[in-house]
C-alpha atoms as a PDB file:
ATOM      1  CA  MET A   1      12.487 167.140 187.845  1.00  0.00           C
ATOM      2  CA  ASP A   2      15.922 166.372 187.095  1.00  0.00           C
ATOM      3  CA  HIS A   3      16.697 163.961 183.560  1.00  0.00           C
ATOM      4  CA  GLY A   4      18.415 161.660 186.144  1.00  0.00           C
ATOM      5  CA  LYS A   5      15.021 161.630 188.249  1.00  0.00           C
ATOM      6  CA  LEU A   6      13.196 160.848 185.540  1.00  0.00           C
ATOM      7  CA  ILE A   7      15.207 158.051 183.783  1.00  0.00           C
ATOM      8  CA  ALA A   8      14.892 156.692 187.440  1.00  0.00           C
ATOM      9  CA  VAL A   9      10.895 156.369 187.739  1.00  0.00           C
ATOM     10  CA  ARG A  10      10.197 155.480 184.174  1.00  0.00           C
ATOM     11  CA  MET A  11      12.408 152.908 184.530  1.00  0.00           C
ATOM     12  CA  GLU A  12      10.450 152.356 188.134  1.00  0.00           C
ATOM     13  CA  GLU A  13       7.119 152.688 186.459  1.00  0.00           C
ATOM     14  CA  ALA A  14       8.311 149.938 183.522  1.00  0.00           C
ATOM     15  CA  ARG A  15       9.479 147.250 185.915  1.00  0.00           C
ATOM     16  CA  ASP A  16       6.479 147.412 188.254  1.00  0.00           C
ATOM     17  CA  ALA A  17       4.039 147.208 185.153  1.00  0.00           C
ATOM     18  CA  ARG A  18       5.940 144.025 183.861  1.00  0.00           C
ATOM     19  CA  GLY A  19       5.667 142.451 187.213  1.00  0.00           C
ATOM     20  CA  ILE A  20       9.411 142.021 188.024  1.00  0.00           C
ATOM     21  CA  SER A  21      10.743 142.039 191.775  1.00  0.00           C
ATOM     22  CA  VAL A  22      14.166 144.637 191.958  1.00  0.00           C
ATOM     23  CA  ALA A  23      15.898 141.699 192.823  1.00  0.00           C
ATOM     24  CA  GLU A  24      15.384 139.837 189.748  1.00  0.00           C
ATOM     25  CA  LEU A  25      15.570 142.541 187.437  1.00  0.00           C
ATOM     26  CA  ALA A  26      18.641 142.868 189.472  1.00  0.00           C
ATOM     27  CA  ARG A  27      20.100 139.591 189.083  1.00  0.00           C
ATOM     28  CA  ARG A  28      19.044 139.725 184.996  1.00  0.00           C
ATOM     29  CA  ALA A  29      20.014 143.086 184.604  1.00  0.00           C
ATOM     30  CA  SER A  30      24.081 141.721 186.690  1.00  0.00           C
ATOM     31  CA  ILE A  31      23.556 144.582 188.713  1.00  0.00           C
ATOM     32  CA  ASP A  32      23.827 144.778 192.827  1.00  0.00           C
ATOM     33  CA  ARG A  33      20.445 144.057 194.171  1.00  0.00           C
ATOM     34  CA  LYS A  34      21.232 147.351 196.864  1.00  0.00           C
ATOM     35  CA  ARG A  35      22.366 149.446 193.966  1.00  0.00           C
ATOM     36  CA  LEU A  36      19.513 148.898 191.941  1.00  0.00           C
ATOM     37  CA  TRP A  37      17.352 149.746 194.854  1.00  0.00           C
ATOM     38  CA  TYR A  38      18.514 153.042 195.654  1.00  0.00           C
ATOM     39  CA  ILE A  39      18.869 153.693 191.402  1.00  0.00           C
ATOM     40  CA  LEU A  40      14.898 153.122 191.053  1.00  0.00           C
ATOM     41  CA  ASP A  41      14.213 154.761 194.426  1.00  0.00           C
ATOM     42  CA  GLY A  42      16.715 157.974 193.245  1.00  0.00           C
ATOM     43  CA  GLN A  43      19.267 157.768 195.429  1.00  0.00           C
ATOM     44  CA  ARG A  44      21.877 157.372 193.708  1.00  0.00           C
ATOM     45  CA  GLN A  45      22.787 158.017 189.836  1.00  0.00           C
ATOM     46  CA  MET A  46      22.575 155.152 187.181  1.00  0.00           C
ATOM     47  CA  ARG A  47      25.494 154.421 185.116  1.00  0.00           C
ATOM     48  CA  ALA A  48      25.330 154.225 181.186  1.00  0.00           C
ATOM     49  CA  ASP A  49      26.110 149.882 180.928  1.00  0.00           C
ATOM     50  CA  GLU A  50      23.545 149.909 184.103  1.00  0.00           C
ATOM     51  CA  PHE A  51      20.727 151.846 181.742  1.00  0.00           C
ATOM     52  CA  VAL A  52      21.225 149.795 178.954  1.00  0.00           C
ATOM     53  CA  ARG A  53      21.474 146.349 180.496  1.00  0.00           C
ATOM     54  CA  LEU A  54      17.856 147.391 181.964  1.00  0.00           C
ATOM     55  CA  CYS A  55      16.735 148.342 178.720  1.00  0.00           C
ATOM     56  CA  ALA A  56      17.959 145.514 177.247  1.00  0.00           C
ATOM     57  CA  VAL A  57      16.358 143.018 180.089  1.00  0.00           C
ATOM     58  CA  MET A  58      12.490 144.991 180.278  1.00  0.00           C
ATOM     59  CA  GLY A  59      12.737 145.254 176.182  1.00  0.00           C
ATOM     60  CA  LEU A  60      12.921 149.081 176.254  1.00  0.00           C
ATOM     61  CA  ASP A  61      13.648 151.554 173.311  1.00  0.00           C
ATOM     62  CA  MET A  62      16.220 153.627 174.446  1.00  0.00           C
ATOM     63  CA  LYS A  63      14.343 157.062 173.305  1.00  0.00           C
ATOM     64  CA  PHE A  64      11.243 156.074 175.497  1.00  0.00           C
ATOM     65  CA  PHE A  65      13.548 158.171 179.020  1.00  0.00           C
ATOM     66  CA  LEU A  66      13.700 161.514 176.525  1.00  0.00           C
ATOM     67  CA  THR A  67      11.027 164.205 176.899  1.00  0.00           C
ATOM     68  CA  PRO A  68      10.094 166.280 173.913  1.00  0.00           C
ATOM     69  CA  GLU A  69      12.909 168.946 175.604  1.00  0.00           C
ATOM     70  CA  LEU A  70      15.347 166.497 175.763  1.00  0.00           C
ATOM     71  CA  ARG A  71      14.837 165.125 172.579  1.00  0.00           C
ATOM     72  CA  GLU A  72      14.559 168.892 170.604  1.00  0.00           C
ATOM     73  CA  GLU A  73      18.052 169.768 172.870  1.00  0.00           C
ATOM     74  CA  LEU A  74      19.775 166.973 171.235  1.00  0.00           C
ATOM     75  CA  ALA A  75      18.752 167.313 167.232  1.00  0.00           C
ATOM     76  CA  TRP A  76      20.116 171.227 168.310  1.00  0.00           C
ATOM     77  CA  ARG A  77      23.363 169.721 169.797  1.00  0.00           C
ATOM     78  CA  ARG A  78      24.019 167.226 167.016  1.00  0.00           C
ATOM     79  CA  GLN A  79      23.188 169.786 163.744  1.00  0.00           C
ATOM     80  CA  LYS A  80      25.610 172.391 166.036  1.00  0.00           C
ATOM     81  CA  THR A  81      28.312 169.681 166.223  1.00  0.00           C
ATOM     82  CA  ILE A  82      27.592 169.389 162.523  1.00  0.00           C
ATOM     83  CA  GLU A  83      28.327 173.258 161.677  1.00  0.00           C
ATOM     84  CA  ASP A  84      31.255 173.370 163.774  1.00  0.00           C
ATOM     85  CA  TYR A  85      33.108 170.513 163.073  1.00  0.00           C
ATOM     86  CA  GLY A  86      31.725 169.351 159.434  1.00  0.00           C
ATOM     87  CA  THR A  87      30.640 166.139 158.505  1.00  0.00           C
ATOM     88  CA  GLY A  88      34.052 164.262 158.600  1.00  0.00           C
ATOM     89  CA  LEU A  89      33.677 163.545 162.242  1.00  0.00           C
ATOM     90  CA  CYS A  90      33.326 159.720 163.264  1.00  0.00           C
ATOM     91  CA  GLY A  91      30.486 159.105 164.671  1.00  0.00           C
ATOM     92  CA  LEU A  92      27.658 160.313 162.342  1.00  0.00           C
ATOM     93  CA  PRO A  93      27.154 157.114 160.352  1.00  0.00           C
ATOM     94  CA  THR A  94      24.302 159.273 158.414  1.00  0.00           C
ATOM     95  CA  LEU A  95      26.130 161.599 156.967  1.00  0.00           C
ATOM     96  CA  ARG A  96      29.154 159.499 156.080  1.00  0.00           C
ATOM     97  CA  LYS A  97      29.027 157.984 152.606  1.00  0.00           C
ATOM     98  CA  LYS A  98      28.716 154.407 152.216  1.00  0.00           C
ATOM     99  CA  GLY A  99      32.641 152.230 152.350  1.00  0.00           C
ATOM    100  CA  ASP A 100      34.371 155.210 153.841  1.00  0.00           C
ATOM    101  CA  ALA A 101      36.908 154.279 155.493  1.00  0.00           C
ATOM    102  CA  ARG A 102      38.140 156.891 157.172  1.00  0.00           C
ATOM    103  CA  CYS A 103      36.083 156.293 160.392  1.00  0.00           C
ATOM    104  CA  SER A 104      37.656 153.217 162.326  1.00  0.00           C
ATOM    105  CA  ILE A 105      34.701 153.060 164.871  1.00  0.00           C
END
């Protein structure tokens, strides 16, 4: 199963466990009801903004959707990026020095 489908399956399980209808979840997350139904059914891919809103509405940590393999891959990619570009890269706050204003984000 690809990761996109795994996210849809876990999102649907979380929705069902909370006893929230698709229509109510769609309303709370400001997503078209029919579109959400297709997403949860695995027929459409979820956009990043929809994923973030659904996690927020259901109180889910985004890490809930990472498999151990994906966590390992992300850690490897992060380390590779640091090795390739150094620590001056914006978006790596754990490596920035306190008060460093070089990053405008």
